[in-house]
Amino acid sequence: MAQRPEELVELTPEADPFLAAEQAVSGGAERRGLVLVHALSGDFDAASSAALGAAHLLASLPHRTVARFDADQLVDYRARRPRMSFNGDRYEDFAAPEIVLSALEDDAGEPFLVLSGPEPDYRWEAFVAAVAGLVERLGVTSVVALQAIPMPVPHTRPVTVTAHATRRQLIESYPVYWGELRIPGSAPALLELRLGEAGVDALGVAAHVPHYLGQATYPAATLTLLEHLSRLTGLLLPTETLREAAQQHRTEVDEQIARSADNTAVVAALEQQYDQFTAAREGSDLLGDVGEVPSGDELGAEFERFLAEQDRRRE
């Protein structure tokens, strides 16, 4: 018998205050806006930018676990093999993957939720239904996705983003760059689609990571994601250590690029493309050919190249 979506997730006692607050709403109390941020690691998280953002928030702010998903039902262990400890002649430990919903408080004491862990490989619809159930039960009023995608942009310019939402009003200050695109799907994207169909406000930002840094770490993208999260939700988030890490990383990358004339030429060409595009279209942040937005085929091809590289690294 197929497992019901709600059986994929287990609430902890730490969820009780949220359940009680939502129950009070039916008695006439006013609903307090509660934000749920999801930053799942996977193929649509170039340089692990979103996952590192979630890790940074959990390490910097008070938090507690309110729900755990049954990762054993959702994750393909052979595609992303968990680490095990082997000592001499025996296995000692197994680091099982975890998909966890945590409750945090921002620097002003405002509560919000963070869903972190690996993107599910299996049962996307059931996973999305389970998250939607939590959204309803815990009184969540808006859901925000953090992602990162590889793009032909230089690391020497500000990190830019693509914004998306179930309603244009949620991101009206962000420009629209293109029409219909056909790109590989993801569980976070499906979650946003289904929440929108259910009338729940869902939105997100995807940081543009230089394609030549997509397999490394890129703290500048993580910093940008959290800055936009604050802008979209009003949450006061700690970013100073990320800012310092981004500056240090920039210095290290500059030094590495400078050792190769070919790499220096590539970055210079990307800088020229970036500057000419932004000059031709003031206030716009996406890079394509000089003065032009990249076509759907070009963007789809970039996604496919990135995913193929991810697969090769796994093998």
Protein backbone atom coordinates (compact mmCIF):
# COMPACT_ATOMS: atom_id res chain seq x y z
CA MET A 1 0.00 0.00 0.00
CA ALA A 2 1.39 3.39 -0.98
CA GLN A 3 2.54 5.58 1.88
CA ARG A 4 0.47 8.71 2.40
CA PRO A 5 2.34 12.03 2.09
CA GLU A 6 1.79 12.94 5.74
CA GLU A 7 3.53 9.72 6.75
CA LEU A 8 6.76 11.02 5.19
CA VAL A 9 7.18 13.60 7.95
CA GLU A 10 7.13 13.50 11.74
CA LEU A 11 6.51 16.55 13.93
CA THR A 12 8.49 16.97 17.14
CA PRO A 13 7.20 18.49 20.40
CA GLU A 14 8.99 21.70 19.35
CA ALA A 15 6.22 22.19 16.78
CA ASP A 16 3.55 22.56 19.50
CA PRO A 17 3.81 26.39 19.86
CA PHE A 18 3.26 26.82 16.12
CA LEU A 19 0.34 24.38 16.13
CA ALA A 20 -1.22 26.19 19.09
CA ALA A 21 -0.79 29.59 17.44
CA GLU A 22 -2.47 28.36 14.28
CA GLN A 23 -5.28 26.81 16.29
CA ALA A 24 -5.88 30.16 17.98
CA VAL A 25 -6.47 31.76 14.58
CA SER A 26 -9.69 29.76 14.20
CA GLY A 27 -10.79 31.25 17.51
CA GLY A 28 -10.50 34.79 16.18
CA ALA A 29 -6.85 35.55 16.86
CA GLU A 30 -4.86 37.30 14.14
CA ARG A 31 -2.47 35.14 12.11
CA ARG A 32 1.16 36.16 12.49
CA GLY A 33 3.10 36.07 9.22
CA LEU A 34 5.40 33.04 9.30
CA VAL A 35 8.03 32.51 6.61
CA LEU A 36 9.30 29.10 5.54
CA VAL A 37 12.63 29.13 3.70
CA HIS A 38 13.73 26.04 1.77
CA ALA A 39 17.36 25.66 0.75
CA LEU A 40 17.78 22.06 -0.37
CA SER A 41 21.13 20.90 -1.71
CA GLY A 42 21.12 19.36 -5.16
CA ASP A 43 21.76 19.95 -8.83
CA PHE A 44 20.15 23.40 -8.73
CA ASP A 45 22.46 24.67 -6.02
CA ALA A 46 25.63 25.70 -7.84
CA ALA A 47 28.62 26.00 -5.50
CA SER A 48 26.30 24.72 -2.71
CA SER A 49 25.31 28.36 -2.24
CA ALA A 50 21.83 27.77 -0.83
CA ALA A 51 22.84 24.81 1.34
CA LEU A 52 25.66 26.88 2.83
CA GLY A 53 23.15 29.66 3.47
CA ALA A 54 20.95 27.30 5.47
CA ALA A 55 23.97 25.97 7.35
CA HIS A 56 25.07 29.52 8.14
CA LEU A 57 21.66 30.44 9.54
CA LEU A 58 21.50 27.29 11.66
CA ALA A 59 25.00 27.93 13.01
CA SER A 60 24.37 31.62 13.73
CA LEU A 61 20.84 31.76 15.12
CA PRO A 62 18.92 29.99 17.91
CA HIS A 63 17.05 27.04 16.42
CA ARG A 64 15.19 23.85 17.21
CA THR A 65 13.93 20.96 15.08
CA VAL A 66 10.17 20.96 14.52
CA ALA A 67 9.86 18.19 11.89
CA ARG A 68 11.90 15.41 10.28
CA PHE A 69 11.27 13.82 6.90
CA ASP A 70 11.81 10.14 6.18
CA ALA A 71 14.94 10.60 4.09
CA ASP A 72 15.25 6.85 3.66
CA GLN A 73 12.16 7.02 1.44
CA LEU A 74 13.28 10.08 -0.50
CA VAL A 75 17.04 9.94 -1.14
CA ASP A 76 18.93 7.80 -3.65
CA TYR A 77 21.94 6.70 -1.60
CA ARG A 78 23.81 5.39 -4.64
CA ALA A 79 23.60 8.75 -6.40
CA ARG A 80 24.79 10.65 -3.30
CA ARG A 81 26.52 8.10 -1.11
CA PRO A 82 26.45 8.99 2.60
CA ARG A 83 29.76 8.97 4.44
CA MET A 84 30.71 6.08 6.72
CA SER A 85 33.56 5.78 9.23
CA PHE A 86 35.90 2.79 8.98
CA ASN A 87 38.48 2.26 11.72
CA GLY A 88 41.10 -0.47 11.33
CA ASP A 89 38.90 -3.51 10.91
CA ARG A 90 35.34 -2.29 11.49
CA TYR A 91 32.70 0.22 10.48
CA GLU A 92 31.91 2.66 13.26
CA ASP A 93 29.47 5.24 12.00
CA PHE A 94 26.96 6.01 9.26
CA ALA A 95 26.09 9.64 8.48
CA ALA A 96 22.52 9.19 7.30
CA PRO A 97 21.08 12.05 5.23
CA GLU A 98 18.57 14.28 6.99
CA ILE A 99 15.79 16.48 5.64
CA VAL A 100 14.81 18.67 8.56
CA LEU A 101 12.46 21.57 9.25
CA SER A 102 13.95 23.89 11.87
CA ALA A 103 12.47 26.85 13.72
CA LEU A 104 14.81 29.84 14.02
CA GLU A 105 14.65 33.40 15.32
CA ASP A 106 16.21 36.27 13.42
CA ASP A 107 18.29 39.01 15.06
CA ALA A 108 15.09 40.80 16.10
CA GLY A 109 13.56 37.68 17.65
CA GLU A 110 11.15 37.06 14.75
CA PRO A 111 10.47 33.33 14.24
CA PHE A 112 10.82 31.67 10.84
CA LEU A 113 11.32 28.15 9.48
CA VAL A 114 14.13 26.63 7.42
CA LEU A 115 13.82 23.39 5.46
CA SER A 116 17.29 21.96 4.80
CA GLY A 117 18.91 18.77 3.59
CA PRO A 118 19.29 17.01 0.24
CA GLU A 119 16.73 17.53 -2.49
CA PRO A 120 14.59 14.37 -2.68
CA ASP A 121 15.39 11.99 -5.53
CA TYR A 122 12.11 10.09 -5.22
CA ARG A 123 8.41 10.81 -4.63
CA TRP A 124 8.43 14.50 -5.45
CA GLU A 125 4.65 14.84 -5.42
CA ALA A 126 4.35 13.11 -2.04
CA PHE A 127 7.17 15.23 -0.61
CA VAL A 128 5.55 18.43 -1.91
CA ALA A 129 2.19 17.37 -0.45
CA ALA A 130 3.86 16.70 2.91
CA VAL A 131 5.49 20.15 2.93
CA ALA A 132 2.17 21.74 1.93
CA GLY A 133 0.57 19.97 4.86
CA LEU A 134 3.14 21.50 7.21
CA VAL A 135 2.55 24.92 5.66
CA GLU A 136 -1.13 24.64 6.53
CA ARG A 137 -0.72 23.11 10.00
CA LEU A 138 2.02 25.46 11.19
CA GLY A 139 0.43 28.66 9.89
CA VAL A 140 3.02 29.50 7.24
CA THR A 141 1.99 32.50 5.15
CA SER A 142 4.85 32.65 2.64
CA VAL A 143 7.40 30.14 1.32
CA VAL A 144 10.76 31.30 -0.07
CA ALA A 145 13.20 29.21 -2.15
CA LEU A 146 16.94 29.79 -2.22
CA GLN A 147 18.81 28.33 -5.20
CA ALA A 148 21.87 28.97 -7.35
CA ILE A 149 22.51 28.38 -11.04
CA PRO A 150 25.69 28.52 -13.17
CA MET A 151 25.79 31.47 -15.55
CA PRO A 152 28.33 33.17 -17.85
CA VAL A 153 29.12 35.93 -15.34
CA PRO A 154 32.47 37.10 -13.89
CA HIS A 155 33.32 36.78 -10.22
CA THR A 156 34.63 40.35 -10.33
CA ARG A 157 31.15 41.87 -10.58
CA PRO A 158 28.24 41.88 -8.09
CA VAL A 159 26.31 38.61 -7.82
CA THR A 160 22.97 38.90 -9.59
CA VAL A 161 19.78 36.89 -9.20
CA THR A 162 16.70 35.65 -10.99
CA ALA A 163 13.50 36.08 -8.99
CA HIS A 164 10.32 34.02 -9.43
CA ALA A 165 6.98 33.82 -7.64
CA THR A 166 3.44 32.52 -7.78
CA ARG A 167 2.21 36.13 -8.01
CA ARG A 168 4.00 38.98 -9.79
CA GLN A 169 3.21 41.33 -6.90
CA LEU A 170 5.54 39.37 -4.63
CA ILE A 171 8.58 40.26 -6.74
CA GLU A 172 7.43 43.35 -8.63
CA SER A 173 10.71 45.19 -7.97
CA TYR A 174 12.62 42.48 -9.87
CA PRO A 175 12.83 42.61 -13.69
CA VAL A 176 11.45 39.91 -16.00
CA TYR A 177 14.07 38.75 -18.48
CA TRP A 178 12.45 36.22 -20.79
CA GLY A 179 9.36 34.32 -21.77
CA GLU A 180 8.81 30.58 -21.65
CA LEU A 181 11.82 28.32 -21.01
CA ARG A 182 12.07 24.53 -20.92
CA ILE A 183 14.52 23.57 -18.18
CA PRO A 184 15.11 20.44 -16.05
CA GLY A 185 12.70 20.22 -13.13
CA SER A 186 13.46 20.17 -9.41
CA ALA A 187 11.60 19.37 -6.21
CA PRO A 188 11.81 23.02 -5.01
CA ALA A 189 10.37 24.22 -8.32
CA LEU A 190 7.52 21.70 -8.09
CA LEU A 191 6.84 22.81 -4.52
CA GLU A 192 6.47 26.42 -5.64
CA LEU A 193 4.19 25.41 -8.51
CA ARG A 194 1.90 23.30 -6.32
CA LEU A 195 1.74 25.90 -3.53
CA GLY A 196 0.74 28.51 -6.08
CA GLU A 197 -2.02 26.25 -7.36
CA ALA A 198 -3.24 25.96 -3.75
CA GLY A 199 -3.26 29.75 -3.29
CA VAL A 200 -0.19 29.93 -1.05
CA ASP A 201 2.31 32.74 -1.65
CA ALA A 202 5.58 31.16 -2.80
CA LEU A 203 8.59 32.90 -4.27
CA GLY A 204 12.33 32.54 -4.57
CA VAL A 205 15.65 33.83 -5.83
CA ALA A 206 18.37 31.99 -7.71
CA ALA A 207 21.88 33.41 -7.50
CA HIS A 208 23.95 33.51 -10.68
CA VAL A 209 27.23 31.71 -9.99
CA PRO A 210 30.17 32.06 -12.41
CA HIS A 211 30.15 28.83 -14.36
CA TYR A 212 33.85 28.30 -13.70
CA LEU A 213 33.20 28.31 -9.93
CA GLY A 214 30.06 26.17 -9.96
CA GLN A 215 31.77 23.09 -8.51
CA ALA A 216 33.60 24.95 -5.74
CA THR A 217 32.18 27.09 -2.96
CA TYR A 218 31.23 30.70 -3.62
CA PRO A 219 30.36 32.60 -0.42
CA ALA A 220 29.51 35.74 -2.39
CA ALA A 221 26.46 33.93 -3.80
CA THR A 222 25.43 32.71 -0.34
CA LEU A 223 25.71 36.26 0.98
CA THR A 224 23.60 37.57 -1.90
CA LEU A 225 20.89 34.97 -1.31
CA LEU A 226 20.56 35.93 2.35
CA GLU A 227 20.52 39.64 1.48
CA HIS A 228 17.65 39.06 -0.94
CA LEU A 229 15.89 36.86 1.62
CA SER A 230 16.00 39.79 4.04
CA ARG A 231 14.77 42.16 1.33
CA LEU A 232 11.82 39.94 0.43
CA THR A 233 10.73 38.98 3.96
CA GLY A 234 11.98 41.70 6.31
CA LEU A 235 13.94 39.17 8.35
CA LEU A 236 17.08 40.53 10.04
CA LEU A 237 19.79 37.98 9.28
CA PRO A 238 23.46 37.82 10.31
CA THR A 239 25.76 38.19 7.30
CA GLU A 240 29.00 39.77 8.55
CA THR A 241 31.01 36.54 8.66
CA LEU A 242 29.76 35.68 5.17
CA ARG A 243 30.84 39.09 3.94
CA GLU A 244 34.32 38.51 5.31
CA ALA A 245 34.45 35.03 3.77
CA ALA A 246 33.36 36.43 0.40
CA GLN A 247 36.11 39.05 0.46
CA GLN A 248 38.76 36.48 1.34
CA HIS A 249 37.49 34.09 -1.33
CA ARG A 250 37.56 36.87 -3.94
CA THR A 251 41.24 37.48 -3.15
CA GLU A 252 42.05 33.78 -3.47
CA VAL A 253 40.22 33.44 -6.80
CA ASP A 254 41.89 36.58 -8.16
CA GLU A 255 45.29 35.10 -7.34
CA GLN A 256 44.46 31.80 -9.02
CA ILE A 257 43.05 33.46 -12.15
CA ALA A 258 46.12 35.70 -12.44
CA ARG A 259 48.39 32.64 -12.79
CA SER A 260 46.91 31.81 -16.20
CA ALA A 261 46.78 34.15 -19.17
CA ASP A 262 43.93 32.10 -20.66
CA ASN A 263 41.83 32.37 -17.50
CA THR A 264 42.53 36.08 -17.26
CA ALA A 265 41.32 36.53 -20.85
CA VAL A 266 38.11 34.59 -20.15
CA VAL A 267 37.29 36.72 -17.11
CA ALA A 268 38.06 39.91 -19.02
CA ALA A 269 35.68 38.87 -21.79
CA LEU A 270 32.94 38.13 -19.26
CA GLU A 271 33.53 41.51 -17.62
CA GLN A 272 33.17 43.28 -20.97
CA GLN A 273 29.99 41.34 -21.71
CA TYR A 274 28.59 42.15 -18.28
CA ASP A 275 29.40 45.86 -18.48
CA GLN A 276 28.07 46.29 -22.01
CA PHE A 277 24.87 44.50 -21.17
CA THR A 278 24.17 46.50 -18.02
CA ALA A 279 24.99 49.74 -19.87
CA ALA A 280 22.57 48.81 -22.67
CA ARG A 281 19.83 47.81 -20.27
CA GLU A 282 20.14 49.91 -17.14
CA GLY A 283 18.78 48.26 -14.02
CA SER A 284 18.93 44.78 -15.50
CA ASP A 285 21.02 42.05 -13.93
CA LEU A 286 21.13 39.05 -16.24
CA LEU A 287 23.99 38.32 -18.61
CA GLY A 288 23.71 36.99 -22.11
CA ASP A 289 25.35 37.94 -25.38
CA VAL A 290 26.38 41.57 -25.48
CA GLY A 291 23.22 43.62 -25.05
CA GLU A 292 20.96 40.57 -25.34
CA VAL A 293 19.20 38.18 -22.99
CA PRO A 294 20.30 34.57 -23.61
CA SER A 295 17.81 32.43 -25.47
CA GLY A 296 15.89 29.56 -23.90
CA ASP A 297 18.03 27.08 -25.82
CA GLU A 298 21.23 28.68 -24.50
CA LEU A 299 20.00 28.64 -20.91
CA GLY A 300 18.74 25.08 -21.23
CA ALA A 301 22.09 24.01 -22.64
CA GLU A 302 23.90 25.67 -19.73
CA PHE A 303 21.71 23.79 -17.25
CA GLU A 304 22.30 20.51 -19.05
CA ARG A 305 26.08 21.03 -19.06
CA PHE A 306 26.02 21.75 -15.35
CA LEU A 307 23.91 18.68 -14.57
CA ALA A 308 26.14 16.49 -16.74
CA GLU A 309 29.18 17.71 -14.80
CA GLN A 310 27.36 16.89 -11.54
CA ASP A 311 26.73 13.35 -12.80
CA ARG A 312 30.38 12.90 -13.81
CA ARG A 313 31.53 14.00 -10.35
CA ARG A 314 29.23 11.46 -8.73
CA GLU A 315 30.57 8.66 -10.89
